[in-house]
């Protein structure tokens, strides 16, 4: 083997080593973020995931995603695994806002910050909370209904009582209707929390109400979530109701939007998920890199502290502005919603 050949082999070897070192360093420079969702069954959470991952990747982040399968114990296990894999920040939509406090404590023991996404985590030293203004969500629903029906019988279907968002949405509803209740213009004929926000539970509640003797159909049903509205509509259908009361909802789910078009649901509160997910990804990356974070001046009390919060404005949507909001944003496709129209 001549001298030039040896020099060539050494040069190639050195180049390979340098490439591997560079690749290893560049790969390890990716900031790891843990995103733990409550499930990937609901219409919205796959969208949250995709928007969040895309934005974090754009900012040179790597996102580890977990599906909590609506199990708070599983979420705890997933958090432990992500911490073991070196995440710098955890972004969590808690299944249970109370038990999730243990995840925050564990993360802080490992110098990892936690951002509560969409749902707040109670009774802990939470770092940040990002969601929509849920009191405003409730106010939009009740304002829409009371403009059309300033007098009459109202039914209130709130979300799961264990979810702070359900409390806030209900507070917003009551901010609007309570003065009318006090004046005697509105009568609350039924007021209930729906466990797990479940459509089936809302269906059973509505069915039970309709089966009671001597009850009239409510003039308005303030339903806090589209899935619950769909459950209530199913019960109304089974009772051969043709003239539907005002029915509200939240999340701009596909079936709800179709029901709005055919006059079975009145409105939904649209929450631009892309905005929320992208802002959460930006916040997570700043936390991971210890960059300064601009204060919004907003906080949400979680039972222990006033948590620094980013609260995004929701949008009231009905048949008149659906194309300019939900469709224009690409949240749903026009062909999906208007397929039969």
Protein backbone atom coordinates (compact mmCIF):
# COMPACT_ATOMS: atom_id res chain seq x y z
CA UNK A 1 0.00 0.00 0.00
CA UNK A 2 1.60 3.28 -1.08
CA UNK A 3 1.80 6.43 1.00
CA UNK A 4 -0.85 8.34 -1.02
CA UNK A 5 -3.36 5.51 -0.57
CA UNK A 6 -2.79 5.50 3.21
CA UNK A 7 -3.22 9.29 3.35
CA UNK A 8 -6.46 8.97 1.34
CA UNK A 9 -7.87 6.32 3.70
CA UNK A 10 -6.97 8.41 6.76
CA UNK A 11 -8.62 11.47 5.19
CA UNK A 12 -11.81 9.50 4.47
CA UNK A 13 -11.84 8.12 8.01
CA UNK A 14 -11.38 11.57 9.53
CA UNK A 15 -14.16 12.95 7.31
CA UNK A 16 -16.50 10.16 8.41
CA UNK A 17 -15.73 10.77 12.08
CA UNK A 18 -16.28 14.51 11.67
CA UNK A 19 -19.59 13.85 9.88
CA UNK A 20 -20.78 11.54 12.65
CA UNK A 21 -19.77 14.05 15.31
CA UNK A 22 -21.51 16.86 13.44
CA UNK A 23 -24.65 14.74 12.88
CA UNK A 24 -24.74 13.72 16.51
CA UNK A 25 -24.39 17.31 17.69
CA UNK A 26 -26.94 18.67 15.23
CA UNK A 27 -29.40 15.89 16.08
CA UNK A 28 -28.96 16.38 19.82
CA UNK A 29 -29.53 20.12 19.39
CA UNK A 30 -33.20 19.37 18.73
CA UNK A 31 -35.17 20.47 21.77
CA UNK A 32 -37.49 17.73 22.98
CA UNK A 33 -41.02 18.68 24.00
CA UNK A 34 -43.53 16.23 25.46
CA UNK A 35 -47.15 16.64 24.31
CA UNK A 36 -49.61 14.52 26.28
CA UNK A 37 -53.19 14.57 25.01
CA UNK A 38 -56.25 13.09 26.74
CA UNK A 39 -57.22 11.08 23.63
CA UNK A 40 -57.01 11.09 19.86
CA UNK A 41 -60.66 10.10 19.35
CA UNK A 42 -62.31 13.52 19.67
CA UNK A 43 -62.49 15.49 16.43
CA UNK A 44 -60.16 18.20 17.66
CA UNK A 45 -57.14 16.60 19.34
CA UNK A 46 -55.54 15.13 16.20
CA UNK A 47 -55.69 18.67 14.79
CA UNK A 48 -54.03 20.09 17.94
CA UNK A 49 -51.29 17.50 17.62
CA UNK A 50 -50.59 18.17 13.95
CA UNK A 51 -50.51 21.97 14.30
CA UNK A 52 -48.35 21.79 17.43
CA UNK A 53 -45.84 19.33 15.95
CA UNK A 54 -45.52 21.30 12.71
CA UNK A 55 -44.85 24.59 14.52
CA UNK A 56 -42.36 23.06 16.95
CA UNK A 57 -40.51 21.41 14.05
CA UNK A 58 -40.36 24.78 12.31
CA UNK A 59 -38.67 26.11 15.47
CA UNK A 60 -36.18 23.20 15.48
CA UNK A 61 -38.03 21.24 18.14
CA UNK A 62 -38.79 17.56 18.39
CA UNK A 63 -42.18 16.58 19.83
CA UNK A 64 -42.90 13.33 21.60
CA UNK A 65 -46.67 12.73 21.50
CA UNK A 66 -48.73 10.51 23.81
CA UNK A 67 -52.40 9.52 23.70
CA UNK A 68 -53.73 9.36 27.27
CA UNK A 69 -56.73 7.22 26.30
CA UNK A 70 -58.81 9.21 28.82
CA UNK A 71 -56.84 7.59 31.67
CA UNK A 72 -55.16 9.89 34.21
CA UNK A 73 -52.92 7.08 35.51
CA UNK A 74 -51.71 6.41 31.98
CA UNK A 75 -50.91 10.11 31.57
CA UNK A 76 -48.74 9.95 34.69
CA UNK A 77 -46.84 6.98 33.25
CA UNK A 78 -46.40 8.80 29.94
CA UNK A 79 -45.03 11.85 31.74
CA UNK A 80 -42.51 9.67 33.58
CA UNK A 81 -41.41 8.12 30.27
CA UNK A 82 -41.03 11.49 28.57
CA UNK A 83 -38.99 12.85 31.48
CA UNK A 84 -36.75 9.79 31.18
CA UNK A 85 -36.33 10.55 27.46
CA UNK A 86 -35.05 14.04 28.19
CA UNK A 87 -37.90 16.40 27.38
CA UNK A 88 -37.33 19.99 28.41
CA UNK A 89 -41.00 20.93 28.70
CA UNK A 90 -44.26 19.04 29.14
CA UNK A 91 -47.43 20.29 27.44
CA UNK A 92 -50.41 18.56 28.96
CA UNK A 93 -54.16 18.38 28.37
CA UNK A 94 -55.10 16.67 31.64
CA UNK A 95 -57.67 13.92 31.83
CA UNK A 96 -58.14 14.84 35.49
CA UNK A 97 -57.28 18.39 36.52
CA UNK A 98 -56.70 17.33 40.15
CA UNK A 99 -54.53 14.22 39.80
CA UNK A 100 -52.46 15.90 37.08
CA UNK A 101 -50.91 18.06 39.83
CA UNK A 102 -48.65 15.06 40.55
CA UNK A 103 -47.26 15.35 37.01
CA UNK A 104 -46.40 19.00 37.63
CA UNK A 105 -44.62 18.14 40.89
CA UNK A 106 -42.64 15.34 39.23
CA UNK A 107 -41.66 17.58 36.33
CA UNK A 108 -40.50 20.36 38.65
CA UNK A 109 -38.39 17.87 40.62
CA UNK A 110 -36.60 17.27 37.32
CA UNK A 111 -36.36 20.99 36.44
CA UNK A 112 -38.97 20.63 33.68
CA UNK A 113 -41.68 23.25 33.13
CA UNK A 114 -45.31 22.33 32.50
CA UNK A 115 -47.80 24.11 30.26
CA UNK A 116 -51.46 23.21 30.77
CA UNK A 117 -53.06 23.22 27.34
CA UNK A 118 -56.82 23.77 26.90
CA UNK A 119 -57.61 22.54 30.45
CA UNK A 120 -56.02 23.97 33.58
CA UNK A 121 -54.29 21.78 36.19
CA UNK A 122 -55.53 22.44 39.72
CA UNK A 123 -53.80 23.01 43.05
CA UNK A 124 -50.17 23.09 41.97
CA UNK A 125 -47.37 25.47 41.02
CA UNK A 126 -48.25 25.33 37.32
CA UNK A 127 -45.95 27.31 35.01
CA UNK A 128 -48.34 28.38 32.23
CA UNK A 129 -51.88 27.88 31.00
CA UNK A 130 -53.00 28.38 27.39
CA UNK A 131 -56.60 28.05 26.31
CA UNK A 132 -59.53 29.99 24.98
CA UNK A 133 -61.45 32.42 27.16
CA UNK A 134 -63.99 29.89 28.41
CA UNK A 135 -66.12 32.46 30.24
CA UNK A 136 -66.40 34.25 26.91
CA UNK A 137 -67.44 30.94 25.28
CA UNK A 138 -70.42 30.73 27.62
CA UNK A 139 -71.28 34.39 27.12
CA UNK A 140 -71.32 33.96 23.34
CA UNK A 141 -73.74 31.03 23.64
CA UNK A 142 -76.13 32.79 26.00
CA UNK A 143 -75.96 36.10 24.12
CA UNK A 144 -76.89 34.37 20.88
CA UNK A 145 -79.82 32.57 22.50
CA UNK A 146 -81.19 35.55 24.43
CA UNK A 147 -81.15 37.81 21.38
CA UNK A 148 -83.47 35.34 19.65
CA UNK A 149 -85.42 34.32 22.75
CA UNK A 150 -85.22 36.99 25.47
CA UNK A 151 -88.09 35.27 27.26
CA UNK A 152 -89.04 31.64 27.81
CA UNK A 153 -87.94 28.34 29.30
CA UNK A 154 -84.23 27.53 29.19
CA UNK A 155 -82.38 24.26 29.73
CA UNK A 156 -78.68 24.41 30.70
CA UNK A 157 -76.42 21.47 29.82
CA UNK A 158 -72.96 22.13 31.25
CA UNK A 159 -69.88 19.96 30.77
CA UNK A 160 -68.25 17.66 33.31
CA UNK A 161 -68.26 19.27 36.76
CA UNK A 162 -64.71 18.02 37.37
CA UNK A 163 -63.43 20.10 34.44
CA UNK A 164 -62.76 23.74 35.30
CA UNK A 165 -63.60 24.68 31.71
CA UNK A 166 -67.16 23.48 32.31
CA UNK A 167 -67.41 25.74 35.35
CA UNK A 168 -66.09 28.73 33.41
CA UNK A 169 -68.40 28.16 30.42
CA UNK A 170 -71.38 27.88 32.77
CA UNK A 171 -70.28 31.08 34.51
CA UNK A 172 -70.31 32.85 31.16
CA UNK A 173 -73.79 31.56 30.39
CA UNK A 174 -75.09 32.71 33.76
CA UNK A 175 -73.45 36.14 33.38
CA UNK A 176 -75.88 36.74 30.51
CA UNK A 177 -79.04 34.93 31.58
CA UNK A 178 -79.10 35.60 35.32
CA UNK A 179 -80.42 39.19 34.99
CA UNK A 180 -83.22 37.84 32.78
CA UNK A 181 -83.92 35.05 35.25
CA UNK A 182 -84.07 37.60 38.06
CA UNK A 183 -86.53 39.75 36.11
CA UNK A 184 -88.74 36.73 35.45
CA UNK A 185 -88.30 36.79 31.67
CA UNK A 186 -86.38 33.50 31.60
CA UNK A 187 -87.13 30.40 33.62
CA UNK A 188 -84.48 27.68 34.05
CA UNK A 189 -86.43 24.44 33.73
CA UNK A 190 -83.42 22.10 33.88
CA UNK A 191 -79.81 22.74 34.88
CA UNK A 192 -77.36 19.84 34.91
CA UNK A 193 -73.69 18.92 34.45
CA UNK A 194 -73.01 16.16 31.90
CA UNK A 195 -70.43 13.61 33.03
CA UNK A 196 -67.37 13.36 30.73
CA UNK A 197 -69.06 15.85 28.35
CA UNK A 198 -70.37 12.64 26.76
CA UNK A 199 -72.96 12.74 23.93
CA UNK A 200 -74.55 9.54 25.26
CA UNK A 201 -74.98 11.07 28.71
CA UNK A 202 -76.55 14.20 27.22
CA UNK A 203 -78.86 11.98 25.18
CA UNK A 204 -79.99 10.13 28.31
CA UNK A 205 -80.57 13.39 30.21
CA UNK A 206 -82.62 14.84 27.36
CA UNK A 207 -84.56 11.62 26.90
CA UNK A 208 -85.39 11.53 30.62
CA UNK A 209 -86.54 15.15 30.54
CA UNK A 210 -88.77 14.58 27.51
CA UNK A 211 -90.30 11.49 29.08
CA UNK A 212 -91.46 13.42 32.14
CA UNK A 213 -95.16 14.08 32.16
CA UNK A 214 -96.44 17.63 31.80
CA UNK A 215 -93.23 19.15 30.41
CA UNK A 216 -93.02 21.50 27.49
CA UNK A 217 -90.15 21.60 25.04
CA UNK A 218 -87.62 24.25 26.19
CA UNK A 219 -87.38 27.41 24.13
CA UNK A 220 -83.57 27.18 24.31
CA UNK A 221 -81.01 24.54 25.24
CA UNK A 222 -77.71 26.09 26.32
CA UNK A 223 -75.46 23.14 25.57
CA UNK A 224 -71.79 23.67 26.37
CA UNK A 225 -70.39 21.28 23.74
CA UNK A 226 -71.33 20.14 20.24
CA UNK A 227 -71.19 16.45 21.14
CA UNK A 228 -73.69 17.02 23.94
CA UNK A 229 -75.87 19.00 21.54
CA UNK A 230 -75.80 16.07 19.12
CA UNK A 231 -76.89 13.75 21.94
CA UNK A 232 -79.77 16.07 22.84
CA UNK A 233 -80.82 16.32 19.18
CA UNK A 234 -80.93 12.52 18.94
CA UNK A 235 -83.44 12.44 21.82
CA UNK A 236 -85.50 15.20 20.18
CA UNK A 237 -85.57 13.21 16.93
CA UNK A 238 -86.79 10.12 18.73
CA UNK A 239 -89.65 12.22 20.16
CA UNK A 240 -90.58 13.35 16.64
CA UNK A 241 -89.73 16.99 17.30
CA UNK A 242 -89.83 18.97 14.07
CA UNK A 243 -89.59 22.55 15.34
CA UNK A 244 -86.29 22.62 17.20
CA UNK A 245 -85.52 24.96 20.10
CA UNK A 246 -82.43 27.16 20.04
CA UNK A 247 -79.50 24.83 20.66
CA UNK A 248 -75.96 26.06 21.25
CA UNK A 249 -72.65 24.20 21.14
CA UNK A 250 -68.88 24.47 21.14
CA UNK A 251 -65.95 23.20 19.05
CA UNK A 252 -67.37 23.43 15.51
CA UNK A 253 -67.53 19.67 15.10
CA UNK A 254 -68.53 18.35 11.69
CA UNK A 255 -71.90 16.90 12.70
CA UNK A 256 -72.76 20.08 14.60
CA UNK A 257 -71.97 22.23 11.56
CA UNK A 258 -74.18 20.02 9.42
CA UNK A 259 -76.93 20.31 12.03
CA UNK A 260 -76.59 24.10 11.91
CA UNK A 261 -77.11 24.04 8.16
CA UNK A 262 -80.25 21.91 8.44
CA UNK A 263 -81.72 23.96 11.28
CA UNK A 264 -81.35 21.43 14.08
CA UNK A 265 -78.61 23.31 15.94
CA UNK A 266 -78.48 27.10 16.09
CA UNK A 267 -74.84 27.99 16.61
CA UNK A 268 -71.47 26.75 17.75
CA UNK A 269 -68.52 28.51 19.34
CA UNK A 270 -65.52 28.08 17.08
CA UNK A 271 -62.10 28.01 18.68
CA UNK A 272 -59.29 28.45 16.12
CA UNK A 273 -57.20 25.49 17.24
CA UNK A 274 -54.32 26.30 14.92
CA UNK A 275 -53.79 29.60 16.76
CA UNK A 276 -53.86 27.88 20.14
CA UNK A 277 -51.55 25.02 19.12
CA UNK A 278 -49.01 27.27 17.43
CA UNK A 279 -48.89 29.69 20.35
CA UNK A 280 -48.43 26.73 22.71
CA UNK A 281 -45.55 25.41 20.59
CA UNK A 282 -43.88 28.84 20.57
CA UNK A 283 -44.30 29.12 24.35
CA UNK A 284 -42.94 25.61 24.90
CA UNK A 285 -39.85 26.29 22.82
CA UNK A 286 -39.18 29.55 24.66
CA UNK A 287 -39.50 27.74 27.99
CA UNK A 288 -37.16 25.00 26.81
CA UNK A 289 -34.53 27.52 25.70
CA UNK A 290 -34.97 29.71 28.79
CA UNK A 291 -35.88 32.66 26.61
CA UNK A 292 -37.78 35.64 27.95
CA UNK A 293 -41.55 35.31 27.72
CA UNK A 294 -43.74 38.36 27.27
CA UNK A 295 -46.41 38.65 29.95
CA UNK A 296 -50.00 38.88 28.73
CA UNK A 297 -51.28 40.38 31.96
CA UNK A 298 -53.83 37.57 32.18
CA UNK A 299 -53.93 34.86 34.82
CA UNK A 300 -56.20 31.96 35.79
CA UNK A 301 -56.53 30.83 39.39
CA UNK A 302 -56.04 27.07 39.75
CA UNK A 303 -56.81 26.80 43.46
CA UNK A 304 -53.21 27.39 44.49
CA UNK A 305 -51.78 30.24 42.42
CA UNK A 306 -52.67 32.74 39.73
CA UNK A 307 -51.21 30.95 36.71
CA UNK A 308 -49.79 33.13 33.89
CA UNK A 309 -52.24 32.60 31.04
CA UNK A 310 -52.71 33.06 27.33
CA UNK A 311 -56.47 33.24 26.68
CA UNK A 312 -57.54 33.32 23.03
CA UNK A 313 -60.82 34.87 21.85
CA UNK A 314 -63.46 32.37 20.63
CA UNK A 315 -65.83 33.10 17.72
CA UNK A 316 -69.61 32.71 17.52
CA UNK A 317 -70.59 30.86 14.33
CA UNK A 318 -73.97 30.21 12.73
CA UNK A 319 -75.17 29.50 9.22
CA UNK A 320 -74.42 33.07 8.08
CA UNK A 321 -70.68 33.17 8.83
CA UNK A 322 -69.63 29.53 8.68
CA UNK A 323 -67.86 29.86 5.33
CA UNK A 324 -65.98 32.96 6.45
CA UNK A 325 -64.66 31.33 9.62
CA UNK A 326 -64.53 27.55 9.92
CA UNK A 327 -64.24 26.88 6.18
CA UNK A 328 -61.94 29.84 5.41
CA UNK A 329 -59.52 28.72 8.13
CA UNK A 330 -59.39 25.19 6.72
CA UNK A 331 -60.68 23.78 10.00
CA UNK A 332 -63.29 21.83 8.02
CA UNK A 333 -63.58 21.39 4.28
CA UNK A 334 -66.51 22.94 2.46
CA UNK A 335 -67.22 19.61 0.77
CA UNK A 336 -67.46 17.92 4.19
CA UNK A 337 -69.90 20.42 5.62
CA UNK A 338 -71.94 21.34 2.55
CA UNK A 339 -71.79 17.95 0.83
CA UNK A 340 -75.55 17.52 0.68
CA UNK A 341 -76.38 21.16 0.04
